[in-house]
Amino acid sequence: MKVAIQGIKGSYHHQVAVALYDETELVECTSFNDLASSVAAGSSDLGIMAIGNSIAGSILPNYNLIKDQGLFITGEYYLNINHQLVAVQGQKLEEVKEIQSHPMALLQCGIFLENLPAIKLVETDDTAAAAFRIARDRKNGVAAIASKIAAQEYNLEIIASDIQDVTNNYTRFVVLSSKDDINQEADKATLSFITGHEPGSLMKVLDVFAKSKINLSKIQSIPIVNQPFLFSFVADVEFQELGVFFTATKKLAAVTQSHEILGIYKSQAI
């Protein structure tokens, strides 16, 4: 099975792919857009995409990628992220002049980095890719924020351990498919909808869920492209019976301008 990930071996996306699927052929993508396109085009059977972090929040553009590429969320996975500062063997922290990593990783290590004001921070495409390039080029004075697995994969030394701001630093990943395969044991769904602009329009949507005894576990507004200051909503909902969920979604037609189910799947506890 071919699984598309954002990044390369040693990335957190790679860790999730290994955790979910024993034997896979990785399709390494340099961007989330490439990841979504690979699944949509059939070049990959599934995709693993980060969708939010407990420190940095949701990755809102990824919801638009899922919608625009016509993909479906068929599962989720929560990975506890432990960031390491890695460098070529023999390097010491006081010798580091530059730290490279993905912007989300830099954001999640803000407290540690604030104590290193003289060090230059450089945003890169992927945590593992930053580690790989440092190992390949034997860069002295340059470190990367990456995982323990990346350090092992590219024979780098960990010069500062577990540097994320909080211990419980979870990233939520979703499994993407071009097919709308619904697990009959599903108890969670992700929806996108647009309400009217009159007072109480959002409340009407929330009332549908409340009366159906469907728990709204997350709701977030997302800007509508080419319509400045107008927003759609994306929501995660939890339910006990699939039939109850489908009945509720039929009622949404009367209280929204449009709505779309982005995925129905089995929830994954942290």
C-alpha atoms as a PDB file:
ATOM      1  CA  MET A   1       0.000   0.000   0.000  1.00  0.00           C
ATOM      2  CA  LYS A   2       1.264   3.458  -0.913  1.00  0.00           C
ATOM      3  CA  VAL A   3       0.855   6.078   1.807  1.00  0.00           C
ATOM      4  CA  ALA A   4       1.564   9.752   1.123  1.00  0.00           C
ATOM      5  CA  ILE A   5       3.153  11.776   3.916  1.00  0.00           C
ATOM      6  CA  GLN A   6       4.339  15.355   4.250  1.00  0.00           C
ATOM      7  CA  GLY A   7       8.078  15.102   4.718  1.00  0.00           C
ATOM      8  CA  ILE A   8      10.544  12.231   4.579  1.00  0.00           C
ATOM      9  CA  LYS A   9      11.642   9.238   6.674  1.00  0.00           C
ATOM     10  CA  GLY A  10      12.057  10.257  10.275  1.00  0.00           C
ATOM     11  CA  SER A  11       9.250  12.813  10.130  1.00  0.00           C
ATOM     12  CA  TYR A  12       6.302  12.706  12.495  1.00  0.00           C
ATOM     13  CA  HIS A  13       4.074  11.864   9.526  1.00  0.00           C
ATOM     14  CA  HIS A  14       6.322   8.846   8.939  1.00  0.00           C
ATOM     15  CA  GLN A  15       5.856   7.766  12.567  1.00  0.00           C
ATOM     16  CA  VAL A  16       2.080   7.829  12.184  1.00  0.00           C
ATOM     17  CA  ALA A  17       2.238   5.832   8.936  1.00  0.00           C
ATOM     18  CA  VAL A  18       4.320   3.149  10.674  1.00  0.00           C
ATOM     19  CA  ALA A  19       1.992   3.113  13.703  1.00  0.00           C
ATOM     20  CA  LEU A  20      -1.125   2.645  11.563  1.00  0.00           C
ATOM     21  CA  TYR A  21       0.191   0.374   8.822  1.00  0.00           C
ATOM     22  CA  ASP A  22       2.839  -2.299   9.277  1.00  0.00           C
ATOM     23  CA  GLU A  23       4.078  -2.440   5.705  1.00  0.00           C
ATOM     24  CA  THR A  24       3.793   0.592   3.485  1.00  0.00           C
ATOM     25  CA  GLU A  25       5.505   2.225   0.571  1.00  0.00           C
ATOM     26  CA  LEU A  26       6.038   5.839   1.538  1.00  0.00           C
ATOM     27  CA  VAL A  27       5.266   8.580  -0.949  1.00  0.00           C
ATOM     28  CA  GLU A  28       7.295  11.499   0.380  1.00  0.00           C
ATOM     29  CA  CYS A  29       5.724  14.894  -0.389  1.00  0.00           C
ATOM     30  CA  THR A  30       7.345  18.277   0.072  1.00  0.00           C
ATOM     31  CA  SER A  31       4.067  20.045   0.866  1.00  0.00           C
ATOM     32  CA  PHE A  32       0.537  19.364   2.078  1.00  0.00           C
ATOM     33  CA  ASN A  33      -0.716  20.364  -1.367  1.00  0.00           C
ATOM     34  CA  ASP A  34       1.439  17.666  -2.984  1.00  0.00           C
ATOM     35  CA  LEU A  35       0.198  15.156  -0.414  1.00  0.00           C
ATOM     36  CA  ALA A  36      -3.464  15.871  -1.160  1.00  0.00           C
ATOM     37  CA  SER A  37      -2.849  15.840  -4.920  1.00  0.00           C
ATOM     38  CA  SER A  38      -1.096  12.458  -4.689  1.00  0.00           C
ATOM     39  CA  VAL A  39      -4.116  10.864  -3.000  1.00  0.00           C
ATOM     40  CA  ALA A  40      -6.621  12.576  -5.300  1.00  0.00           C
ATOM     41  CA  ALA A  41      -4.743  11.454  -8.419  1.00  0.00           C
ATOM     42  CA  GLY A  42      -4.512   7.860  -7.219  1.00  0.00           C
ATOM     43  CA  SER A  43      -0.714   7.964  -6.982  1.00  0.00           C
ATOM     44  CA  SER A  44      -1.153   7.055  -3.306  1.00  0.00           C
ATOM     45  CA  ASP A  45      -3.757   4.781  -1.741  1.00  0.00           C
ATOM     46  CA  LEU A  46      -4.001   6.879   1.423  1.00  0.00           C
ATOM     47  CA  GLY A  47      -2.557  10.042   2.890  1.00  0.00           C
ATOM     48  CA  ILE A  48      -1.496  11.005   6.404  1.00  0.00           C
ATOM     49  CA  MET A  49      -1.999  14.720   7.059  1.00  0.00           C
ATOM     50  CA  ALA A  50      -1.456  16.786  10.197  1.00  0.00           C
ATOM     51  CA  ILE A  51      -4.572  18.821  10.899  1.00  0.00           C
ATOM     52  CA  GLY A  52      -3.911  20.458  14.275  1.00  0.00           C
ATOM     53  CA  ASN A  53      -1.741  20.654  17.353  1.00  0.00           C
ATOM     54  CA  SER A  54      -2.591  21.060  21.026  1.00  0.00           C
ATOM     55  CA  ILE A  55      -0.177  23.995  21.324  1.00  0.00           C
ATOM     56  CA  ALA A  56      -0.244  25.673  17.916  1.00  0.00           C
ATOM     57  CA  GLY A  57      -3.907  25.038  17.040  1.00  0.00           C
ATOM     58  CA  SER A  58      -5.520  23.939  13.780  1.00  0.00           C
ATOM     59  CA  ILE A  59      -3.822  23.956  10.382  1.00  0.00           C
ATOM     60  CA  LEU A  60      -6.733  25.682   8.681  1.00  0.00           C
ATOM     61  CA  PRO A  61      -5.493  25.591   5.045  1.00  0.00           C
ATOM     62  CA  ASN A  62      -5.481  21.791   5.186  1.00  0.00           C
ATOM     63  CA  TYR A  63      -9.269  21.706   5.495  1.00  0.00           C
ATOM     64  CA  ASN A  64      -9.537  23.608   2.212  1.00  0.00           C
ATOM     65  CA  LEU A  65      -7.103  21.167   0.601  1.00  0.00           C
ATOM     66  CA  ILE A  66      -9.300  18.251   1.669  1.00  0.00           C
ATOM     67  CA  LYS A  67     -12.395  19.929   0.238  1.00  0.00           C
ATOM     68  CA  ASP A  68     -10.792  21.212  -2.956  1.00  0.00           C
ATOM     69  CA  GLN A  69      -9.260  17.825  -3.795  1.00  0.00           C
ATOM     70  CA  GLY A  70     -12.500  15.954  -3.037  1.00  0.00           C
ATOM     71  CA  LEU A  71     -10.898  13.806  -0.346  1.00  0.00           C
ATOM     72  CA  PHE A  72     -12.468  12.089   2.653  1.00  0.00           C
ATOM     73  CA  ILE A  73     -11.256  11.703   6.231  1.00  0.00           C
ATOM     74  CA  THR A  74     -11.440   7.999   7.093  1.00  0.00           C
ATOM     75  CA  GLY A  75      -9.538   7.994  10.384  1.00  0.00           C
ATOM     76  CA  GLU A  76      -7.526   9.999  12.865  1.00  0.00           C
ATOM     77  CA  TYR A  77      -4.460   9.490  15.036  1.00  0.00           C
ATOM     78  CA  TYR A  78      -3.009  11.510  17.925  1.00  0.00           C
ATOM     79  CA  LEU A  79       0.777  11.512  18.257  1.00  0.00           C
ATOM     80  CA  ASN A  80       2.562  12.917  21.295  1.00  0.00           C
ATOM     81  CA  ILE A  81       5.259  15.150  19.804  1.00  0.00           C
ATOM     82  CA  ASN A  82       8.601  15.260  21.609  1.00  0.00           C
ATOM     83  CA  HIS A  83      11.020  17.634  19.905  1.00  0.00           C
ATOM     84  CA  GLN A  84      14.793  17.191  20.090  1.00  0.00           C
ATOM     85  CA  LEU A  85      17.554  19.582  19.090  1.00  0.00           C
ATOM     86  CA  VAL A  86      19.861  17.544  16.856  1.00  0.00           C
ATOM     87  CA  ALA A  87      23.215  18.262  15.224  1.00  0.00           C
ATOM     88  CA  VAL A  88      26.230  16.481  13.770  1.00  0.00           C
ATOM     89  CA  GLN A  89      28.139  14.291  16.183  1.00  0.00           C
ATOM     90  CA  GLY A  90      30.360  16.215  18.597  1.00  0.00           C
ATOM     91  CA  GLN A  91      28.505  19.526  18.398  1.00  0.00           C
ATOM     92  CA  LYS A  92      27.627  21.376  21.600  1.00  0.00           C
ATOM     93  CA  LEU A  93      24.678  23.689  22.196  1.00  0.00           C
ATOM     94  CA  GLU A  94      26.932  26.696  22.759  1.00  0.00           C
ATOM     95  CA  GLU A  95      28.431  26.184  19.283  1.00  0.00           C
ATOM     96  CA  VAL A  96      25.064  26.412  17.510  1.00  0.00           C
ATOM     97  CA  LYS A  97      24.508  29.608  15.519  1.00  0.00           C
ATOM     98  CA  GLU A  98      21.414  28.567  13.554  1.00  0.00           C
ATOM     99  CA  ILE A  99      18.399  26.316  14.183  1.00  0.00           C
ATOM    100  CA  GLN A 100      16.304  24.981  11.304  1.00  0.00           C
ATOM    101  CA  SER A 101      12.902  23.293  11.385  1.00  0.00           C
ATOM    102  CA  HIS A 102       9.299  23.373  10.237  1.00  0.00           C
ATOM    103  CA  PRO A 103       7.457  26.540  11.406  1.00  0.00           C
ATOM    104  CA  MET A 104       5.087  24.510  13.601  1.00  0.00           C
ATOM    105  CA  ALA A 105       8.013  22.858  15.386  1.00  0.00           C
ATOM    106  CA  LEU A 106       9.663  26.240  15.996  1.00  0.00           C
ATOM    107  CA  LEU A 107       6.380  27.555  17.391  1.00  0.00           C
ATOM    108  CA  GLN A 108       5.993  24.572  19.725  1.00  0.00           C
ATOM    109  CA  CYS A 109       9.479  25.172  21.198  1.00  0.00           C
ATOM    110  CA  GLY A 110       9.025  28.885  21.819  1.00  0.00           C
ATOM    111  CA  ILE A 111      10.105  28.928  25.471  1.00  0.00           C
ATOM    112  CA  PHE A 112      13.338  27.042  24.764  1.00  0.00           C
ATOM    113  CA  LEU A 113      14.172  29.283  21.806  1.00  0.00           C
ATOM    114  CA  GLU A 114      13.475  32.490  23.736  1.00  0.00           C
ATOM    115  CA  ASN A 115      16.450  31.592  25.908  1.00  0.00           C
ATOM    116  CA  LEU A 116      18.677  31.503  22.819  1.00  0.00           C
ATOM    117  CA  PRO A 117      18.138  35.023  21.413  1.00  0.00           C
ATOM    118  CA  ALA A 118      21.431  35.135  19.496  1.00  0.00           C
ATOM    119  CA  ILE A 119      20.640  32.042  17.433  1.00  0.00           C
ATOM    120  CA  LYS A 120      19.144  32.517  13.965  1.00  0.00           C
ATOM    121  CA  LEU A 121      15.887  30.626  13.335  1.00  0.00           C
ATOM    122  CA  VAL A 122      15.261  29.299   9.828  1.00  0.00           C
ATOM    123  CA  GLU A 123      11.924  27.859   8.699  1.00  0.00           C
ATOM    124  CA  THR A 124      12.126  24.732   6.520  1.00  0.00           C
ATOM    125  CA  ASP A 125       9.702  22.403   4.771  1.00  0.00           C
ATOM    126  CA  ASP A 126       9.973  19.507   7.225  1.00  0.00           C
ATOM    127  CA  THR A 127      11.590  18.573  10.549  1.00  0.00           C
ATOM    128  CA  ALA A 128      13.190  15.396   9.211  1.00  0.00           C
ATOM    129  CA  ALA A 129      14.330  17.109   5.998  1.00  0.00           C
ATOM    130  CA  ALA A 130      16.144  19.728   8.062  1.00  0.00           C
ATOM    131  CA  ALA A 131      17.890  16.942   9.964  1.00  0.00           C
ATOM    132  CA  PHE A 132      18.720  15.092   6.751  1.00  0.00           C
ATOM    133  CA  ARG A 133      20.348  18.129   5.130  1.00  0.00           C
ATOM    134  CA  ILE A 134      22.459  18.854   8.203  1.00  0.00           C
ATOM    135  CA  ALA A 135      23.686  15.237   8.222  1.00  0.00           C
ATOM    136  CA  ARG A 136      24.266  15.156   4.454  1.00  0.00           C
ATOM    137  CA  ASP A 137      26.272  18.383   4.392  1.00  0.00           C
ATOM    138  CA  ARG A 138      27.954  17.838   7.785  1.00  0.00           C
ATOM    139  CA  LYS A 139      26.941  21.353   8.797  1.00  0.00           C
ATOM    140  CA  ASN A 140      28.763  22.594  11.875  1.00  0.00           C
ATOM    141  CA  GLY A 141      27.113  25.308  13.924  1.00  0.00           C
ATOM    142  CA  VAL A 142      23.668  24.380  12.593  1.00  0.00           C
ATOM    143  CA  ALA A 143      21.045  22.317  14.445  1.00  0.00           C
ATOM    144  CA  ALA A 144      17.551  21.088  13.649  1.00  0.00           C
ATOM    145  CA  ILE A 145      14.441  20.530  15.724  1.00  0.00           C
ATOM    146  CA  ALA A 146      13.305  17.014  14.887  1.00  0.00           C
ATOM    147  CA  SER A 147      12.329  13.659  16.384  1.00  0.00           C
ATOM    148  CA  LYS A 148      14.446  10.995  18.050  1.00  0.00           C
ATOM    149  CA  ILE A 149      13.725   8.753  15.083  1.00  0.00           C
ATOM    150  CA  ALA A 150      15.123  11.397  12.703  1.00  0.00           C
ATOM    151  CA  ALA A 151      18.262  11.637  14.828  1.00  0.00           C
ATOM    152  CA  GLN A 152      18.687   7.863  14.639  1.00  0.00           C
ATOM    153  CA  GLU A 153      17.842   7.711  10.928  1.00  0.00           C
ATOM    154  CA  TYR A 154      20.483  10.308   9.993  1.00  0.00           C
ATOM    155  CA  ASN A 155      23.078   9.536  12.701  1.00  0.00           C
ATOM    156  CA  LEU A 156      22.788  12.897  14.441  1.00  0.00           C
ATOM    157  CA  GLU A 157      23.415  13.694  18.082  1.00  0.00           C
ATOM    158  CA  ILE A 158      20.686  14.987  20.395  1.00  0.00           C
ATOM    159  CA  ILE A 159      22.158  18.052  22.099  1.00  0.00           C
ATOM    160  CA  ALA A 160      18.950  19.121  23.904  1.00  0.00           C
ATOM    161  CA  SER A 161      16.082  16.764  24.727  1.00  0.00           C
ATOM    162  CA  ASP A 162      12.317  17.274  24.863  1.00  0.00           C
ATOM    163  CA  ILE A 163      12.425  21.005  24.188  1.00  0.00           C
ATOM    164  CA  GLN A 164       8.719  21.464  23.394  1.00  0.00           C
ATOM    165  CA  ASP A 165       6.849  23.957  25.586  1.00  0.00           C
ATOM    166  CA  VAL A 166       4.635  21.343  27.274  1.00  0.00           C
ATOM    167  CA  THR A 167       4.907  17.614  27.884  1.00  0.00           C
ATOM    168  CA  ASN A 168       1.481  16.774  26.483  1.00  0.00           C
ATOM    169  CA  ASN A 169       2.145  18.171  23.022  1.00  0.00           C
ATOM    170  CA  TYR A 170      -0.190  16.246  20.726  1.00  0.00           C
ATOM    171  CA  THR A 171      -0.625  16.597  16.991  1.00  0.00           C
ATOM    172  CA  ARG A 172      -3.784  15.263  15.414  1.00  0.00           C
ATOM    173  CA  PHE A 173      -3.312  13.519  12.085  1.00  0.00           C
ATOM    174  CA  VAL A 174      -6.097  12.429   9.737  1.00  0.00           C
ATOM    175  CA  VAL A 175      -6.127   9.583   7.245  1.00  0.00           C
ATOM    176  CA  LEU A 176      -7.222  10.711   3.786  1.00  0.00           C
ATOM    177  CA  SER A 177      -8.750   8.666   0.993  1.00  0.00           C
ATOM    178  CA  SER A 178     -10.231   9.405  -2.407  1.00  0.00           C
ATOM    179  CA  LYS A 179     -13.040   6.982  -1.510  1.00  0.00           C
ATOM    180  CA  ASP A 180     -15.809   7.698   0.948  1.00  0.00           C
ATOM    181  CA  ASP A 181     -15.432   4.454   2.897  1.00  0.00           C
ATOM    182  CA  ILE A 182     -17.623   4.641   5.993  1.00  0.00           C
ATOM    183  CA  ASN A 183     -16.734   2.452   8.952  1.00  0.00           C
ATOM    184  CA  GLN A 184     -20.022   1.078  10.312  1.00  0.00           C
ATOM    185  CA  GLU A 185     -18.569   1.513  13.801  1.00  0.00           C
ATOM    186  CA  ALA A 186     -17.961   5.214  13.112  1.00  0.00           C
ATOM    187  CA  ASP A 187     -18.722   7.578  15.979  1.00  0.00           C
ATOM    188  CA  LYS A 188     -17.181  10.822  14.729  1.00  0.00           C
ATOM    189  CA  ALA A 189     -17.466  13.057  11.677  1.00  0.00           C
ATOM    190  CA  THR A 190     -16.015  16.259  10.270  1.00  0.00           C
ATOM    191  CA  LEU A 191     -18.311  18.685   8.446  1.00  0.00           C
ATOM    192  CA  SER A 192     -17.974  21.972   6.612  1.00  0.00           C
ATOM    193  CA  PHE A 193     -20.904  24.371   6.353  1.00  0.00           C
ATOM    194  CA  ILE A 194     -21.842  27.950   5.511  1.00  0.00           C
ATOM    195  CA  THR A 195     -24.601  29.704   7.419  1.00  0.00           C
ATOM    196  CA  GLY A 196     -26.676  32.727   6.522  1.00  0.00           C
ATOM    197  CA  HIS A 197     -25.600  36.142   7.800  1.00  0.00           C
ATOM    198  CA  GLU A 198     -28.659  36.965   9.847  1.00  0.00           C
ATOM    199  CA  PRO A 199     -28.581  36.951  13.672  1.00  0.00           C
ATOM    200  CA  GLY A 200     -28.904  33.487  15.180  1.00  0.00           C
ATOM    201  CA  SER A 201     -27.944  31.588  12.009  1.00  0.00           C
ATOM    202  CA  LEU A 202     -25.109  29.683  13.690  1.00  0.00           C
ATOM    203  CA  MET A 203     -27.276  28.991  16.720  1.00  0.00           C
ATOM    204  CA  LYS A 204     -29.760  27.164  14.496  1.00  0.00           C
ATOM    205  CA  VAL A 205     -27.016  24.782  13.372  1.00  0.00           C
ATOM    206  CA  LEU A 206     -25.876  24.181  16.946  1.00  0.00           C
ATOM    207  CA  ASP A 207     -29.489  23.544  17.941  1.00  0.00           C
ATOM    208  CA  VAL A 208     -29.762  20.738  15.373  1.00  0.00           C
ATOM    209  CA  PHE A 209     -26.802  18.980  16.956  1.00  0.00           C
ATOM    210  CA  ALA A 210     -28.010  19.597  20.509  1.00  0.00           C
ATOM    211  CA  LYS A 211     -31.506  18.207  19.871  1.00  0.00           C
ATOM    212  CA  SER A 212     -29.970  15.158  18.183  1.00  0.00           C
ATOM    213  CA  LYS A 213     -27.713  14.566  21.218  1.00  0.00           C
ATOM    214  CA  ILE A 214     -24.646  14.980  19.014  1.00  0.00           C
ATOM    215  CA  ASN A 215     -21.611  16.407  20.773  1.00  0.00           C
ATOM    216  CA  LEU A 216     -19.852  19.271  19.016  1.00  0.00           C
ATOM    217  CA  SER A 217     -16.224  18.640  19.996  1.00  0.00           C
ATOM    218  CA  LYS A 218     -14.717  21.393  17.835  1.00  0.00           C
ATOM    219  CA  ILE A 219     -15.882  24.258  15.651  1.00  0.00           C
ATOM    220  CA  GLN A 220     -13.721  26.759  13.785  1.00  0.00           C
ATOM    221  CA  SER A 221     -14.283  29.472  11.221  1.00  0.00           C
ATOM    222  CA  ILE A 222     -12.289  29.414   7.977  1.00  0.00           C
ATOM    223  CA  PRO A 223     -12.056  32.328   5.523  1.00  0.00           C
ATOM    224  CA  ILE A 224     -13.855  31.756   2.219  1.00  0.00           C
ATOM    225  CA  VAL A 225     -11.398  32.217  -0.647  1.00  0.00           C
ATOM    226  CA  ASN A 226     -12.209  35.207  -2.898  1.00  0.00           C
ATOM    227  CA  GLN A 227     -14.896  36.429  -0.483  1.00  0.00           C
ATOM    228  CA  PRO A 228     -13.133  38.788   1.952  1.00  0.00           C
ATOM    229  CA  PHE A 229     -14.325  38.658   5.563  1.00  0.00           C
ATOM    230  CA  LEU A 230     -16.838  35.897   4.864  1.00  0.00           C
ATOM    231  CA  PHE A 231     -16.334  32.580   6.625  1.00  0.00           C
ATOM    232  CA  SER A 232     -17.335  28.957   6.498  1.00  0.00           C
ATOM    233  CA  PHE A 233     -17.250  26.674   9.518  1.00  0.00           C
ATOM    234  CA  VAL A 234     -15.614  23.315  10.051  1.00  0.00           C
ATOM    235  CA  ALA A 235     -16.817  21.132  12.906  1.00  0.00           C
ATOM    236  CA  ASP A 236     -16.011  17.812  14.499  1.00  0.00           C
ATOM    237  CA  VAL A 237     -19.013  16.020  15.950  1.00  0.00           C
ATOM    238  CA  GLU A 238     -19.337  12.865  18.026  1.00  0.00           C
ATOM    239  CA  PHE A 239     -22.356  10.565  18.090  1.00  0.00           C
ATOM    240  CA  GLN A 240     -23.405   7.141  19.346  1.00  0.00           C
ATOM    241  CA  GLU A 241     -25.416   5.985  16.340  1.00  0.00           C
ATOM    242  CA  LEU A 242     -24.605   6.501  12.675  1.00  0.00           C
ATOM    243  CA  GLY A 243     -28.299   6.728  11.780  1.00  0.00           C
ATOM    244  CA  VAL A 244     -28.801   9.602  14.218  1.00  0.00           C
ATOM    245  CA  PHE A 245     -25.954  11.498  12.577  1.00  0.00           C
ATOM    246  CA  PHE A 246     -27.398  11.066   9.084  1.00  0.00           C
ATOM    247  CA  THR A 247     -30.814  12.235  10.280  1.00  0.00           C
ATOM    248  CA  ALA A 248     -29.223  15.358  11.760  1.00  0.00           C
ATOM    249  CA  THR A 249     -27.326  16.174   8.566  1.00  0.00           C
ATOM    250  CA  LYS A 250     -30.598  16.125   6.613  1.00  0.00           C
ATOM    251  CA  LYS A 251     -31.924  18.808   8.959  1.00  0.00           C
ATOM    252  CA  LEU A 252     -28.863  20.976   8.283  1.00  0.00           C
ATOM    253  CA  ALA A 253     -30.168  21.690   4.773  1.00  0.00           C
ATOM    254  CA  ALA A 254     -32.864  23.917   6.264  1.00  0.00           C
ATOM    255  CA  VAL A 255     -30.513  25.986   8.432  1.00  0.00           C
ATOM    256  CA  THR A 256     -27.384  26.360   6.242  1.00  0.00           C
ATOM    257  CA  GLN A 257     -26.603  27.794   2.832  1.00  0.00           C
ATOM    258  CA  SER A 258     -24.551  24.679   2.135  1.00  0.00           C
ATOM    259  CA  HIS A 259     -22.979  21.807   4.040  1.00  0.00           C
ATOM    260  CA  GLU A 260     -20.562  19.021   3.227  1.00  0.00           C
ATOM    261  CA  ILE A 261     -19.411  15.918   5.081  1.00  0.00           C
ATOM    262  CA  LEU A 262     -15.612  15.734   4.970  1.00  0.00           C
ATOM    263  CA  GLY A 263     -15.430  12.350   6.637  1.00  0.00           C
ATOM    264  CA  ILE A 264     -17.111   9.810   8.896  1.00  0.00           C
ATOM    265  CA  TYR A 265     -14.774   7.661  10.964  1.00  0.00           C
ATOM    266  CA  LYS A 266     -13.966   5.964  14.258  1.00  0.00           C
ATOM    267  CA  SER A 267     -12.618   8.359  16.864  1.00  0.00           C
ATOM    268  CA  GLN A 268      -9.150   7.800  18.312  1.00  0.00           C
ATOM    269  CA  ALA A 269      -8.657   8.578  21.991  1.00  0.00           C
ATOM    270  CA  ILE A 270      -5.499  10.367  23.109  1.00  0.00           C
END
